[in-house]
Amino acid sequence: MVLNNAANVLNYFGPDKVQVVVVAYGPGLKMLFKNSKMAARIQSLNAEGVEFDACHNTMLGFKKKLGHLPKLVDSAVVVPGGIVRIMQLEAHGFRYIKP
């Protein structure tokens, strides 16, 4: 659903009028795994200008479960904390949309 929301916002406003950032944390981080079913679509949206941020705190949680840090899609930007990143974006005028 989040990928549809990102695509719809980008298509409606146009990449020159809006910046879309998807912040993945908790179970949502799985969509940024290199082997996820959504990896190709994420790469495509990234090529259109959508930024994908991955919560490092969540990655550490997955490391405990998996025994290693998860491998993410190449376009993922690792940020210290997902919630903190959302707060930073909101402070800069971004709107928070939760699917």
C-alpha atoms as a PDB file:
ATOM      1  CA  MET A   1       0.000   0.000   0.000  1.00  0.00           C
ATOM      2  CA  VAL A   2       2.823   2.444   0.829  1.00  0.00           C
ATOM      3  CA  LEU A   3       4.329   1.984  -2.632  1.00  0.00           C
ATOM      4  CA  ASN A   4       0.965   2.744  -4.246  1.00  0.00           C
ATOM      5  CA  ASN A   5       0.639   5.872  -2.078  1.00  0.00           C
ATOM      6  CA  ALA A   6       4.125   7.031  -3.039  1.00  0.00           C
ATOM      7  CA  ALA A   7       3.479   6.433  -6.746  1.00  0.00           C
ATOM      8  CA  ASN A   8       0.095   8.180  -6.618  1.00  0.00           C
ATOM      9  CA  VAL A   9       1.488  11.278  -4.880  1.00  0.00           C
ATOM     10  CA  LEU A  10       4.399  11.433  -7.299  1.00  0.00           C
ATOM     11  CA  ASN A  11       2.124  11.011 -10.326  1.00  0.00           C
ATOM     12  CA  TYR A  12      -0.403  13.589  -9.137  1.00  0.00           C
ATOM     13  CA  PHE A  13       2.004  16.378  -8.248  1.00  0.00           C
ATOM     14  CA  GLY A  14       4.939  15.459 -10.481  1.00  0.00           C
ATOM     15  CA  PRO A  15       8.526  14.822  -9.398  1.00  0.00           C
ATOM     16  CA  ASP A  16       9.441  18.484  -9.873  1.00  0.00           C
ATOM     17  CA  LYS A  17       6.758  19.643  -7.405  1.00  0.00           C
ATOM     18  CA  VAL A  18       6.925  17.092  -4.593  1.00  0.00           C
ATOM     19  CA  GLN A  19       9.533  15.086  -2.722  1.00  0.00           C
ATOM     20  CA  VAL A  20       8.455  11.675  -1.452  1.00  0.00           C
ATOM     21  CA  VAL A  21      10.367   9.923   1.319  1.00  0.00           C
ATOM     22  CA  VAL A  22       9.319   6.480   2.555  1.00  0.00           C
ATOM     23  CA  VAL A  23      10.650   5.691   6.028  1.00  0.00           C
ATOM     24  CA  ALA A  24      10.644   1.968   6.780  1.00  0.00           C
ATOM     25  CA  TYR A  25      10.892   0.678  10.343  1.00  0.00           C
ATOM     26  CA  GLY A  26       9.576  -2.256  12.340  1.00  0.00           C
ATOM     27  CA  PRO A  27       8.067  -4.999  10.167  1.00  0.00           C
ATOM     28  CA  GLY A  28       7.851  -2.513   7.270  1.00  0.00           C
ATOM     29  CA  LEU A  29      11.611  -2.715   6.858  1.00  0.00           C
ATOM     30  CA  LYS A  30      11.170  -6.121   5.196  1.00  0.00           C
ATOM     31  CA  MET A  31      10.031  -4.389   1.996  1.00  0.00           C
ATOM     32  CA  LEU A  32      13.537  -2.936   1.665  1.00  0.00           C
ATOM     33  CA  PHE A  33      15.227  -6.327   1.913  1.00  0.00           C
ATOM     34  CA  LYS A  34      17.230  -7.040  -1.225  1.00  0.00           C
ATOM     35  CA  ASN A  35      15.276 -10.267  -1.828  1.00  0.00           C
ATOM     36  CA  SER A  36      11.784  -8.848  -1.160  1.00  0.00           C
ATOM     37  CA  LYS A  37       9.001  -9.164  -3.716  1.00  0.00           C
ATOM     38  CA  MET A  38       8.909  -5.367  -3.865  1.00  0.00           C
ATOM     39  CA  ALA A  39      12.620  -4.760  -4.519  1.00  0.00           C
ATOM     40  CA  ALA A  40      12.225  -4.107  -8.257  1.00  0.00           C
ATOM     41  CA  ARG A  41       9.316  -1.720  -7.710  1.00  0.00           C
ATOM     42  CA  ILE A  42      11.273   0.117  -5.033  1.00  0.00           C
ATOM     43  CA  GLN A  43      14.205   0.544  -7.414  1.00  0.00           C
ATOM     44  CA  SER A  44      11.811   1.845 -10.084  1.00  0.00           C
ATOM     45  CA  LEU A  45      10.219   4.371  -7.720  1.00  0.00           C
ATOM     46  CA  ASN A  46      13.658   5.432  -6.532  1.00  0.00           C
ATOM     47  CA  ALA A  47      14.623   6.106 -10.157  1.00  0.00           C
ATOM     48  CA  GLU A  48      11.576   8.422 -10.298  1.00  0.00           C
ATOM     49  CA  GLY A  49      12.822  10.304  -7.233  1.00  0.00           C
ATOM     50  CA  VAL A  50      11.278   8.508  -4.253  1.00  0.00           C
ATOM     51  CA  GLU A  51      13.718   8.207  -1.337  1.00  0.00           C
ATOM     52  CA  PHE A  52      13.634   5.065   0.809  1.00  0.00           C
ATOM     53  CA  ASP A  53      15.006   5.367   4.350  1.00  0.00           C
ATOM     54  CA  ALA A  54      15.726   2.304   6.503  1.00  0.00           C
ATOM     55  CA  CYS A  55      15.737   2.417  10.303  1.00  0.00           C
ATOM     56  CA  HIS A  56      19.086   1.280  11.694  1.00  0.00           C
ATOM     57  CA  ASN A  57      17.511   0.406  15.054  1.00  0.00           C
ATOM     58  CA  THR A  58      15.145  -2.002  13.293  1.00  0.00           C
ATOM     59  CA  MET A  59      18.062  -3.424  11.322  1.00  0.00           C
ATOM     60  CA  LEU A  60      19.804  -4.226  14.616  1.00  0.00           C
ATOM     61  CA  GLY A  61      16.656  -6.035  15.759  1.00  0.00           C
ATOM     62  CA  PHE A  62      16.668  -8.109  12.574  1.00  0.00           C
ATOM     63  CA  LYS A  63      20.365  -8.820  13.132  1.00  0.00           C
ATOM     64  CA  LYS A  64      19.465 -10.502  16.425  1.00  0.00           C
ATOM     65  CA  LYS A  65      16.842 -12.654  14.671  1.00  0.00           C
ATOM     66  CA  LEU A  66      18.792 -13.411  11.496  1.00  0.00           C
ATOM     67  CA  GLY A  67      22.305 -13.519  12.885  1.00  0.00           C
ATOM     68  CA  HIS A  68      23.411 -10.805  10.434  1.00  0.00           C
ATOM     69  CA  LEU A  69      22.338  -7.396   9.245  1.00  0.00           C
ATOM     70  CA  PRO A  70      19.731  -7.671   6.490  1.00  0.00           C
ATOM     71  CA  LYS A  71      20.889  -6.837   2.980  1.00  0.00           C
ATOM     72  CA  LEU A  72      18.863  -3.936   1.643  1.00  0.00           C
ATOM     73  CA  VAL A  73      18.047  -2.727  -1.851  1.00  0.00           C
ATOM     74  CA  ASP A  74      20.810  -0.531  -3.225  1.00  0.00           C
ATOM     75  CA  SER A  75      18.694   2.616  -3.063  1.00  0.00           C
ATOM     76  CA  ALA A  76      17.967   2.334   0.683  1.00  0.00           C
ATOM     77  CA  VAL A  77      19.410   5.074   2.876  1.00  0.00           C
ATOM     78  CA  VAL A  78      20.126   3.861   6.405  1.00  0.00           C
ATOM     79  CA  VAL A  79      19.056   6.407   9.027  1.00  0.00           C
ATOM     80  CA  PRO A  80      19.761   6.122  12.788  1.00  0.00           C
ATOM     81  CA  GLY A  81      16.081   5.819  13.729  1.00  0.00           C
ATOM     82  CA  GLY A  82      12.875   5.703  11.716  1.00  0.00           C
ATOM     83  CA  ILE A  83      10.778   7.727  14.131  1.00  0.00           C
ATOM     84  CA  VAL A  84      13.523  10.328  14.511  1.00  0.00           C
ATOM     85  CA  ARG A  85      13.738  10.597  10.709  1.00  0.00           C
ATOM     86  CA  ILE A  86       9.977  11.158  10.491  1.00  0.00           C
ATOM     87  CA  MET A  87      10.255  13.895  13.122  1.00  0.00           C
ATOM     88  CA  GLN A  88      13.095  15.533  11.174  1.00  0.00           C
ATOM     89  CA  LEU A  89      11.087  15.449   7.955  1.00  0.00           C
ATOM     90  CA  GLU A  90       8.005  16.905   9.646  1.00  0.00           C
ATOM     91  CA  ALA A  91      10.161  19.715  11.084  1.00  0.00           C
ATOM     92  CA  HIS A  92      11.140  20.536   7.498  1.00  0.00           C
ATOM     93  CA  GLY A  93       7.532  20.768   6.313  1.00  0.00           C
ATOM     94  CA  PHE A  94       6.926  17.198   5.153  1.00  0.00           C
ATOM     95  CA  ARG A  95       3.506  15.633   5.696  1.00  0.00           C
ATOM     96  CA  TYR A  96       3.322  12.277   7.473  1.00  0.00           C
ATOM     97  CA  ILE A  97       1.073   9.820   5.668  1.00  0.00           C
ATOM     98  CA  LYS A  98       0.677   6.417   7.267  1.00  0.00           C
ATOM     99  CA  PRO A  99      -0.847   3.757   5.012  1.00  0.00           C
END
